[in-house]
Amino acid sequence: MEGGRPPPTRDDTRFARREAARVGVATNKKPASAPRSFAAFIPTGEEMLDQYLEQLDAEPENYGLALAMGRMAAETGRAELMSALYRHLIKANQLIDEIAAEVEGLLDAIDSTSTRRQLSRVLGDVYSKQGRYREAMAAYSSTFER
């Protein structure tokens, strides 16, 4: 016993961790991973696309470019790149309404199953960000349809 106090019990430790998490104090937090660079997708095999990805890395706030590239990536079957571009915008809370309209249109136009699944996930994220939770759940559910 230190200073007349018994050592903390396991419940005391759990409570302290829970309270620390509630107020935002780090306890045994993993270090945050660095955001994925769009340059990680280079080389794409298309010089112009590579240049746009490098530009977006240099100017991550160029949301119009990210939106246009997301659409192009979906239309050319680059589902992973498309998802990264749209998620970049969603995380930044930029062009949310435009993403919703665009992805809704792309879902009707794209034939690739894997791209459609990624689009459905993105649409679910967008709807969730907009507070449209029922529609978000429907979009997420459609990722499991064949």
C-alpha atoms as a PDB file:
ATOM      1  CA  MET A   1       0.000   0.000   0.000  1.00  0.00           C
ATOM      2  CA  GLU A   2       1.373   3.324  -1.069  1.00  0.00           C
ATOM      3  CA  GLY A   3       0.476   6.283   1.081  1.00  0.00           C
ATOM      4  CA  GLY A   4      -2.239   4.290   2.859  1.00  0.00           C
ATOM      5  CA  ARG A   5      -4.189   3.564  -0.337  1.00  0.00           C
ATOM      6  CA  PRO A   6      -4.735   0.049  -1.634  1.00  0.00           C
ATOM      7  CA  PRO A   7      -3.541  -0.688  -5.190  1.00  0.00           C
ATOM      8  CA  PRO A   8      -6.201  -0.127  -7.874  1.00  0.00           C
ATOM      9  CA  THR A   9      -8.421  -3.068  -8.669  1.00  0.00           C
ATOM     10  CA  ARG A  10      -9.076  -4.301 -12.166  1.00  0.00           C
ATOM     11  CA  ASP A  11     -12.464  -2.539 -12.092  1.00  0.00           C
ATOM     12  CA  ASP A  12     -10.767   0.704 -11.047  1.00  0.00           C
ATOM     13  CA  THR A  13      -8.410   0.436 -14.008  1.00  0.00           C
ATOM     14  CA  ARG A  14     -11.276  -0.279 -16.434  1.00  0.00           C
ATOM     15  CA  PHE A  15     -13.223   2.689 -15.096  1.00  0.00           C
ATOM     16  CA  ALA A  16     -10.203   4.963 -15.470  1.00  0.00           C
ATOM     17  CA  ARG A  17      -9.660   3.857 -19.075  1.00  0.00           C
ATOM     18  CA  ARG A  18     -13.331   4.319 -19.925  1.00  0.00           C
ATOM     19  CA  GLU A  19     -13.368   7.799 -18.394  1.00  0.00           C
ATOM     20  CA  ALA A  20     -10.125   8.735 -20.133  1.00  0.00           C
ATOM     21  CA  ALA A  21     -11.594   7.660 -23.473  1.00  0.00           C
ATOM     22  CA  ARG A  22     -14.804   9.586 -22.739  1.00  0.00           C
ATOM     23  CA  VAL A  23     -12.951  12.849 -22.119  1.00  0.00           C
ATOM     24  CA  GLY A  24     -10.434  12.287 -24.894  1.00  0.00           C
ATOM     25  CA  VAL A  25      -7.324  11.483 -22.869  1.00  0.00           C
ATOM     26  CA  ALA A  26      -5.056   8.993 -24.595  1.00  0.00           C
ATOM     27  CA  THR A  27      -4.232   5.870 -22.617  1.00  0.00           C
ATOM     28  CA  ASN A  28      -2.860   3.019 -24.702  1.00  0.00           C
ATOM     29  CA  LYS A  29      -3.746   4.518 -28.043  1.00  0.00           C
ATOM     30  CA  LYS A  30      -2.196   3.223 -31.240  1.00  0.00           C
ATOM     31  CA  PRO A  31      -0.387   5.890 -33.218  1.00  0.00           C
ATOM     32  CA  ALA A  32      -2.485   7.310 -36.014  1.00  0.00           C
ATOM     33  CA  SER A  33      -1.522   5.981 -39.412  1.00  0.00           C
ATOM     34  CA  ALA A  34      -0.514   8.454 -42.062  1.00  0.00           C
ATOM     35  CA  PRO A  35      -3.190   9.134 -44.681  1.00  0.00           C
ATOM     36  CA  ARG A  36      -2.734   7.145 -47.855  1.00  0.00           C
ATOM     37  CA  SER A  37      -1.109   9.142 -50.595  1.00  0.00           C
ATOM     38  CA  PHE A  38      -2.807   9.246 -53.979  1.00  0.00           C
ATOM     39  CA  ALA A  39       0.661   8.812 -55.454  1.00  0.00           C
ATOM     40  CA  ALA A  40       0.529   5.256 -54.070  1.00  0.00           C
ATOM     41  CA  PHE A  41      -1.688   4.433 -57.067  1.00  0.00           C
ATOM     42  CA  ILE A  42       1.074   5.495 -59.487  1.00  0.00           C
ATOM     43  CA  PRO A  43       1.926   4.178 -62.035  1.00  0.00           C
ATOM     44  CA  THR A  44      -1.547   3.724 -63.445  1.00  0.00           C
ATOM     45  CA  GLY A  45      -0.388   3.151 -66.974  1.00  0.00           C
ATOM     46  CA  GLU A  46      -1.786   6.514 -68.035  1.00  0.00           C
ATOM     47  CA  GLU A  47       0.601   9.445 -67.838  1.00  0.00           C
ATOM     48  CA  MET A  48      -2.123  12.092 -67.551  1.00  0.00           C
ATOM     49  CA  LEU A  49      -3.827  10.265 -64.674  1.00  0.00           C
ATOM     50  CA  ASP A  50      -0.485   9.923 -62.904  1.00  0.00           C
ATOM     51  CA  GLN A  51       0.033  13.683 -63.219  1.00  0.00           C
ATOM     52  CA  TYR A  52      -3.425  14.399 -61.789  1.00  0.00           C
ATOM     53  CA  LEU A  53      -2.748  12.078 -58.852  1.00  0.00           C
ATOM     54  CA  GLU A  54       0.528  13.875 -58.164  1.00  0.00           C
ATOM     55  CA  GLN A  55      -1.284  17.211 -58.374  1.00  0.00           C
ATOM     56  CA  LEU A  56      -3.931  16.007 -55.915  1.00  0.00           C
ATOM     57  CA  ASP A  57      -1.192  14.912 -53.506  1.00  0.00           C
ATOM     58  CA  ALA A  58       0.303  18.390 -53.737  1.00  0.00           C
ATOM     59  CA  GLU A  59      -3.114  20.103 -53.467  1.00  0.00           C
ATOM     60  CA  PRO A  60      -5.376  17.853 -51.357  1.00  0.00           C
ATOM     61  CA  GLU A  61      -7.894  20.698 -51.032  1.00  0.00           C
ATOM     62  CA  ASN A  62      -8.518  20.648 -54.806  1.00  0.00           C
ATOM     63  CA  TYR A  63     -11.914  19.018 -54.250  1.00  0.00           C
ATOM     64  CA  GLY A  64     -13.183  19.618 -57.772  1.00  0.00           C
ATOM     65  CA  LEU A  65     -10.285  17.635 -59.172  1.00  0.00           C
ATOM     66  CA  ALA A  66     -10.898  14.820 -56.680  1.00  0.00           C
ATOM     67  CA  LEU A  67     -14.584  14.680 -57.645  1.00  0.00           C
ATOM     68  CA  ALA A  68     -13.820  14.567 -61.380  1.00  0.00           C
ATOM     69  CA  MET A  69     -11.149  11.927 -60.862  1.00  0.00           C
ATOM     70  CA  GLY A  70     -13.509   9.830 -58.735  1.00  0.00           C
ATOM     71  CA  ARG A  71     -16.023   9.737 -61.555  1.00  0.00           C
ATOM     72  CA  MET A  72     -13.341   8.919 -64.126  1.00  0.00           C
ATOM     73  CA  ALA A  73     -11.955   6.139 -61.906  1.00  0.00           C
ATOM     74  CA  ALA A  74     -15.443   4.606 -61.579  1.00  0.00           C
ATOM     75  CA  GLU A  75     -16.052   4.786 -65.315  1.00  0.00           C
ATOM     76  CA  THR A  76     -12.710   3.110 -66.083  1.00  0.00           C
ATOM     77  CA  GLY A  77     -13.062   0.324 -63.499  1.00  0.00           C
ATOM     78  CA  ARG A  78     -10.520   1.619 -60.978  1.00  0.00           C
ATOM     79  CA  ALA A  79     -12.708   0.858 -57.966  1.00  0.00           C
ATOM     80  CA  GLU A  80     -10.015   1.192 -55.297  1.00  0.00           C
ATOM     81  CA  LEU A  81      -8.854   4.581 -56.584  1.00  0.00           C
ATOM     82  CA  MET A  82     -12.454   5.741 -56.979  1.00  0.00           C
ATOM     83  CA  SER A  83     -13.242   4.780 -53.410  1.00  0.00           C
ATOM     84  CA  ALA A  84     -10.134   6.558 -52.065  1.00  0.00           C
ATOM     85  CA  LEU A  85     -10.985   9.743 -53.957  1.00  0.00           C
ATOM     86  CA  TYR A  86     -14.612   9.860 -52.811  1.00  0.00           C
ATOM     87  CA  ARG A  87     -13.669   8.994 -49.224  1.00  0.00           C
ATOM     88  CA  HIS A  88     -11.144  11.851 -49.277  1.00  0.00           C
ATOM     89  CA  LEU A  89     -14.010  14.213 -50.085  1.00  0.00           C
ATOM     90  CA  ILE A  90     -16.365  12.671 -47.537  1.00  0.00           C
ATOM     91  CA  LYS A  91     -13.762  12.867 -44.788  1.00  0.00           C
ATOM     92  CA  ALA A  92     -13.174  16.536 -45.643  1.00  0.00           C
ATOM     93  CA  ASN A  93     -16.970  17.051 -45.691  1.00  0.00           C
ATOM     94  CA  GLN A  94     -16.731  18.567 -49.170  1.00  0.00           C
ATOM     95  CA  LEU A  95     -19.102  18.306 -52.136  1.00  0.00           C
ATOM     96  CA  ILE A  96     -21.286  15.775 -50.297  1.00  0.00           C
ATOM     97  CA  ASP A  97     -24.467  16.539 -52.263  1.00  0.00           C
ATOM     98  CA  GLU A  98     -22.540  16.376 -55.530  1.00  0.00           C
ATOM     99  CA  ILE A  99     -21.035  13.003 -54.592  1.00  0.00           C
ATOM    100  CA  ALA A 100     -24.491  11.638 -53.756  1.00  0.00           C
ATOM    101  CA  ALA A 101     -25.930  12.713 -57.105  1.00  0.00           C
ATOM    102  CA  GLU A 102     -22.903  11.480 -59.008  1.00  0.00           C
ATOM    103  CA  VAL A 103     -22.741   8.079 -57.322  1.00  0.00           C
ATOM    104  CA  GLU A 104     -26.480   7.540 -57.729  1.00  0.00           C
ATOM    105  CA  GLY A 105     -26.030   8.140 -61.472  1.00  0.00           C
ATOM    106  CA  LEU A 106     -22.947   5.951 -61.682  1.00  0.00           C
ATOM    107  CA  LEU A 107     -24.756   3.042 -60.016  1.00  0.00           C
ATOM    108  CA  ASP A 108     -27.199   3.028 -62.934  1.00  0.00           C
ATOM    109  CA  ALA A 109     -24.433   3.269 -65.541  1.00  0.00           C
ATOM    110  CA  ILE A 110     -21.686   0.925 -64.255  1.00  0.00           C
ATOM    111  CA  ASP A 111     -21.796  -2.802 -65.038  1.00  0.00           C
ATOM    112  CA  SER A 112     -18.788  -3.984 -62.988  1.00  0.00           C
ATOM    113  CA  THR A 113     -19.965  -5.785 -59.843  1.00  0.00           C
ATOM    114  CA  SER A 114     -16.908  -4.834 -57.778  1.00  0.00           C
ATOM    115  CA  THR A 115     -17.195  -1.171 -58.775  1.00  0.00           C
ATOM    116  CA  ARG A 116     -20.928  -1.184 -58.012  1.00  0.00           C
ATOM    117  CA  ARG A 117     -20.208  -2.592 -54.554  1.00  0.00           C
ATOM    118  CA  GLN A 118     -17.633   0.110 -53.874  1.00  0.00           C
ATOM    119  CA  LEU A 119     -20.068   2.744 -55.145  1.00  0.00           C
ATOM    120  CA  SER A 120     -22.759   1.411 -52.810  1.00  0.00           C
ATOM    121  CA  ARG A 121     -20.385   1.697 -49.859  1.00  0.00           C
ATOM    122  CA  VAL A 122     -19.490   5.248 -50.828  1.00  0.00           C
ATOM    123  CA  LEU A 123     -23.168   6.100 -51.233  1.00  0.00           C
ATOM    124  CA  GLY A 124     -23.869   4.672 -47.784  1.00  0.00           C
ATOM    125  CA  ASP A 125     -21.101   6.849 -46.339  1.00  0.00           C
ATOM    126  CA  VAL A 126     -22.489   9.931 -48.093  1.00  0.00           C
ATOM    127  CA  TYR A 127     -26.039   9.272 -46.933  1.00  0.00           C
ATOM    128  CA  SER A 128     -24.779   8.724 -43.405  1.00  0.00           C
ATOM    129  CA  LYS A 129     -22.895  12.035 -43.527  1.00  0.00           C
ATOM    130  CA  GLN A 130     -26.113  13.706 -44.681  1.00  0.00           C
ATOM    131  CA  GLY A 131     -28.089  12.143 -41.824  1.00  0.00           C
ATOM    132  CA  ARG A 132     -30.070   9.929 -44.215  1.00  0.00           C
ATOM    133  CA  TYR A 133     -29.575   6.808 -42.105  1.00  0.00           C
ATOM    134  CA  ARG A 134     -32.299   4.577 -43.577  1.00  0.00           C
ATOM    135  CA  GLU A 135     -30.995   5.210 -47.073  1.00  0.00           C
ATOM    136  CA  ALA A 136     -27.440   4.616 -45.840  1.00  0.00           C
ATOM    137  CA  MET A 137     -28.434   1.216 -44.456  1.00  0.00           C
ATOM    138  CA  ALA A 138     -30.131   0.327 -47.749  1.00  0.00           C
ATOM    139  CA  ALA A 139     -27.003   1.339 -49.676  1.00  0.00           C
ATOM    140  CA  TYR A 140     -24.762  -0.691 -47.372  1.00  0.00           C
ATOM    141  CA  SER A 141     -27.138  -3.678 -47.665  1.00  0.00           C
ATOM    142  CA  SER A 142     -26.964  -3.546 -51.450  1.00  0.00           C
ATOM    143  CA  THR A 143     -23.214  -4.253 -51.268  1.00  0.00           C
ATOM    144  CA  PHE A 144     -24.130  -7.833 -50.293  1.00  0.00           C
ATOM    145  CA  GLU A 145     -26.482  -8.384 -53.222  1.00  0.00           C
ATOM    146  CA  ARG A 146     -25.192 -10.364 -56.153  1.00  0.00           C
END
